[in-house]
Amino acid sequence: MAEQERAVRTRERLIGSAAETFCREGFAVASLFVISAQAGVGSGALHFHFAGKAALADAVESAALDRLRIIAGVASREGAGRLQCLVDVTHGLALGLRGDVVLRAGFGLGRDTARVTPGGLREHWRCCVEEAVAEAGKARELRPGVAPENAVTAVVAATAGFEALGSREEVWLMPRTIARFWELLPALAAGDRLAALEPEGSSGD
């Protein structure tokens, strides 16, 4: 059992080290030697867990997806309006991107020209937004005349921009920046829902 736990910890260290290296250097330049040394393990241990750099990048993206699912699950709490949940999950995503190198690397790998793979975090994020907007439409939370696909396009494009810009300047991921985007809610939300929405995100208390 102790050996199994050690193997799990080694794998997690390698994923964390790879995430830091991919964020810092990009997929193409990242060195397996640097990743293993930074994790404090030998190259043999790295290759025991991962066949190569592509497999390691897959593991980083998978771990990042797990984090994104947790963020979406926390924001989608019972009893909250669907638009407010969408506001909250964008704030949660920005917070995660500021503080979690694995989440940041997962998104970064998705736009790395040396490693473009179908699906991934962006596809999952788009699906999350589509689901939230569809539910908001069913609950009559959208302003009359707003096409759900237009709302999805706006939210996905904005958050993708915040993520890309935030990889260089953290101000793009700060709560006030996300709130400024959601202050455009009058163009999206039905009038009787607008007053209850909090662009800064709700605490859930």
Protein backbone atom coordinates (compact mmCIF):
# COMPACT_ATOMS: atom_id res chain seq x y z
CA MET A 1 0.00 0.00 0.00
CA ALA A 2 2.82 2.41 0.88
CA GLU A 3 4.46 1.71 -2.47
CA GLN A 4 1.19 2.41 -4.29
CA GLU A 5 0.74 5.69 -2.43
CA ARG A 6 4.32 6.65 -3.29
CA ALA A 7 3.63 5.94 -6.95
CA VAL A 8 0.51 8.14 -6.85
CA ARG A 9 2.46 10.99 -5.24
CA THR A 10 5.26 10.64 -7.80
CA ARG A 11 2.75 10.79 -10.63
CA GLU A 12 1.11 13.90 -9.14
CA ARG A 13 4.49 15.59 -8.73
CA LEU A 14 5.34 14.87 -12.34
CA ILE A 15 2.02 16.29 -13.52
CA GLY A 16 2.55 19.43 -11.43
CA SER A 17 6.11 19.83 -12.68
CA ALA A 18 5.01 19.29 -16.27
CA ALA A 19 2.25 21.89 -15.88
CA GLU A 20 4.74 24.46 -14.61
CA THR A 21 7.18 23.68 -17.41
CA PHE A 22 4.52 23.77 -20.15
CA CYS A 23 3.28 27.13 -18.85
CA ARG A 24 6.79 28.54 -18.70
CA GLU A 25 8.30 27.13 -21.90
CA GLY A 26 5.50 25.74 -24.06
CA PHE A 27 5.01 22.15 -25.15
CA ALA A 28 7.63 22.07 -27.92
CA VAL A 29 10.49 23.45 -25.80
CA ALA A 30 9.62 21.66 -22.55
CA SER A 31 12.24 19.08 -21.61
CA LEU A 32 11.45 15.78 -19.94
CA PHE A 33 14.78 16.04 -18.12
CA VAL A 34 13.76 19.41 -16.63
CA ILE A 35 10.32 18.08 -15.74
CA SER A 36 11.69 15.03 -13.92
CA ALA A 37 14.45 17.01 -12.17
CA GLN A 38 11.96 19.66 -11.03
CA ALA A 39 9.71 16.90 -9.68
CA GLY A 40 12.65 15.39 -7.82
CA VAL A 41 12.52 12.03 -9.59
CA GLY A 42 14.72 10.23 -12.09
CA SER A 43 13.97 9.86 -15.78
CA GLY A 44 13.28 6.16 -15.21
CA ALA A 45 10.41 7.01 -12.85
CA LEU A 46 9.02 9.48 -15.37
CA HIS A 47 9.01 6.87 -18.14
CA PHE A 48 7.49 4.31 -15.78
CA HIS A 49 4.43 6.56 -15.44
CA PHE A 50 4.38 8.21 -18.86
CA ALA A 51 5.45 6.93 -22.28
CA GLY A 52 6.64 10.37 -23.34
CA LYS A 53 5.94 14.09 -23.41
CA ALA A 54 2.63 13.72 -25.27
CA ALA A 55 1.34 11.28 -22.65
CA LEU A 56 2.42 13.67 -19.90
CA ALA A 57 0.59 16.53 -21.62
CA ASP A 58 -2.51 14.30 -21.88
CA ALA A 59 -2.30 13.70 -18.13
CA VAL A 60 -2.02 17.44 -17.43
CA GLU A 61 -5.09 18.12 -19.59
CA SER A 62 -7.02 15.31 -17.87
CA ALA A 63 -6.15 16.67 -14.41
CA ALA A 64 -7.13 20.17 -15.55
CA LEU A 65 -10.47 18.86 -16.81
CA ASP A 66 -11.14 17.32 -13.39
CA ARG A 67 -10.53 20.73 -11.83
CA LEU A 68 -12.83 22.45 -14.33
CA ARG A 69 -15.61 19.96 -13.54
CA ILE A 70 -15.24 20.70 -9.84
CA ILE A 71 -15.46 24.45 -10.49
CA ALA A 72 -18.59 23.98 -12.59
CA GLY A 73 -20.14 21.70 -9.96
CA VAL A 74 -19.52 24.15 -7.12
CA ALA A 75 -21.05 27.05 -9.06
CA SER A 76 -24.13 25.10 -10.19
CA ARG A 77 -25.73 24.99 -6.77
CA GLU A 78 -29.34 24.09 -6.09
CA GLY A 79 -31.83 26.97 -6.03
CA ALA A 80 -29.66 29.55 -7.81
CA GLY A 81 -30.73 31.08 -11.11
CA ARG A 82 -29.04 29.60 -14.15
CA LEU A 83 -27.57 32.92 -15.28
CA GLN A 84 -26.19 33.56 -11.81
CA CYS A 85 -24.59 30.11 -11.85
CA LEU A 86 -22.97 31.00 -15.17
CA VAL A 87 -21.68 34.27 -13.70
CA ASP A 88 -20.34 32.38 -10.69
CA VAL A 89 -18.61 29.68 -12.73
CA THR A 90 -16.78 32.29 -14.83
CA HIS A 91 -15.50 33.85 -11.62
CA GLY A 92 -14.52 30.39 -10.37
CA LEU A 93 -12.71 29.68 -13.63
CA ALA A 94 -10.76 32.95 -13.41
CA LEU A 95 -9.83 32.22 -9.80
CA GLY A 96 -8.66 28.75 -10.78
CA LEU A 97 -6.59 30.08 -13.66
CA ARG A 98 -4.91 32.56 -11.32
CA GLY A 99 -3.99 30.02 -8.67
CA ASP A 100 -3.84 26.55 -10.21
CA VAL A 101 -0.94 25.89 -12.57
CA VAL A 102 -2.44 22.58 -13.74
CA LEU A 103 -5.68 24.25 -14.83
CA ARG A 104 -3.70 27.05 -16.46
CA ALA A 105 -1.46 24.58 -18.29
CA GLY A 106 -4.44 22.53 -19.45
CA PHE A 107 -5.94 25.52 -21.20
CA GLY A 108 -2.54 26.63 -22.46
CA LEU A 109 -1.90 23.25 -24.08
CA GLY A 110 -5.20 23.63 -25.92
CA ARG A 111 -3.95 26.73 -27.72
CA ASP A 112 -0.31 25.66 -28.10
CA THR A 113 0.38 25.47 -31.85
CA ALA A 114 2.83 22.63 -31.23
CA ARG A 115 0.04 20.55 -29.72
CA VAL A 116 -3.43 21.11 -31.11
CA THR A 117 -5.77 18.31 -30.11
CA PRO A 118 -9.52 18.05 -30.72
CA GLY A 119 -11.89 18.56 -27.80
CA GLY A 120 -10.12 19.21 -24.55
CA LEU A 121 -10.89 21.84 -21.97
CA ARG A 122 -12.24 24.43 -24.37
CA GLU A 123 -14.78 22.00 -25.76
CA HIS A 124 -15.87 21.02 -22.26
CA TRP A 125 -16.12 24.69 -21.27
CA ARG A 126 -18.23 25.46 -24.35
CA CYS A 127 -20.57 22.60 -23.43
CA CYS A 128 -20.86 23.94 -19.86
CA VAL A 129 -21.83 27.37 -21.17
CA GLU A 130 -24.29 25.91 -23.70
CA GLU A 131 -25.99 23.90 -20.97
CA ALA A 132 -26.25 26.88 -18.62
CA VAL A 133 -27.64 29.16 -21.33
CA ALA A 134 -30.15 26.50 -22.46
CA GLU A 135 -31.35 26.10 -18.87
CA ALA A 136 -31.58 29.89 -18.50
CA GLY A 137 -33.72 29.99 -21.63
CA LYS A 138 -36.07 27.32 -20.29
CA ALA A 139 -36.36 29.26 -17.02
CA ARG A 140 -37.18 32.45 -19.01
CA GLU A 141 -34.09 34.17 -17.63
CA LEU A 142 -32.92 35.40 -21.04
CA ARG A 143 -34.08 38.72 -22.41
CA PRO A 144 -36.75 38.23 -25.09
CA GLY A 145 -35.16 38.17 -28.51
CA VAL A 146 -31.76 36.95 -27.29
CA ALA A 147 -30.70 33.91 -29.33
CA PRO A 148 -29.11 31.32 -27.02
CA GLU A 149 -26.35 30.61 -29.55
CA ASN A 150 -25.40 34.30 -29.54
CA ALA A 151 -25.18 34.32 -25.75
CA VAL A 152 -22.99 31.18 -25.84
CA THR A 153 -20.72 32.75 -28.45
CA ALA A 154 -20.29 35.92 -26.38
CA VAL A 155 -19.53 34.11 -23.11
CA VAL A 156 -17.17 31.51 -24.62
CA ALA A 157 -15.30 34.11 -26.69
CA ALA A 158 -14.95 36.48 -23.73
CA THR A 159 -13.74 33.84 -21.30
CA ALA A 160 -11.32 32.39 -23.86
CA GLY A 161 -9.93 35.89 -24.28
CA PHE A 162 -9.61 36.39 -20.52
CA GLU A 163 -7.75 33.07 -20.25
CA ALA A 164 -5.33 33.85 -23.08
CA LEU A 165 -4.66 37.42 -21.95
CA GLY A 166 -4.48 36.36 -18.32
CA SER A 167 -1.61 34.01 -19.09
CA ARG A 168 0.49 37.16 -19.53
CA GLU A 169 -1.28 39.78 -17.41
CA GLU A 170 -3.16 38.58 -14.33
CA VAL A 171 -5.39 41.67 -14.34
CA TRP A 172 -7.49 39.97 -17.05
CA LEU A 173 -8.41 37.26 -14.54
CA MET A 174 -9.22 39.52 -11.60
CA PRO A 175 -12.79 39.63 -10.24
CA ARG A 176 -13.35 43.22 -11.34
CA THR A 177 -12.47 42.39 -14.93
CA ILE A 178 -14.92 39.47 -15.01
CA ALA A 179 -17.57 41.64 -13.33
CA ARG A 180 -17.15 44.32 -16.02
CA PHE A 181 -18.06 41.76 -18.65
CA TRP A 182 -21.13 40.67 -16.70
CA GLU A 183 -22.24 44.27 -16.28
CA LEU A 184 -23.37 43.81 -19.87
CA LEU A 185 -26.14 41.58 -18.50
CA PRO A 186 -28.90 44.04 -19.48
CA ALA A 187 -28.31 42.88 -23.05
CA LEU A 188 -28.74 39.26 -22.00
CA ALA A 189 -31.06 38.89 -19.03
CA ALA A 190 -34.83 39.26 -18.88
CA GLY A 191 -35.86 42.47 -17.13
CA ASP A 192 -37.49 40.78 -14.16
CA ARG A 193 -34.32 38.73 -13.56
CA LEU A 194 -31.79 41.53 -13.93
CA ALA A 195 -32.09 43.11 -10.48
CA ALA A 196 -31.27 39.84 -8.70
CA LEU A 197 -28.11 39.10 -10.67
CA GLU A 198 -24.71 39.90 -9.15
CA PRO A 199 -22.00 40.61 -11.75
CA GLU A 200 -19.31 40.23 -9.06
CA GLY A 201 -20.48 36.67 -8.39
CA SER A 202 -22.57 35.44 -5.48
CA SER A 203 -21.17 33.88 -2.35
CA GLY A 204 -23.73 31.09 -2.23
CA ASP A 205 -24.41 31.77 1.47
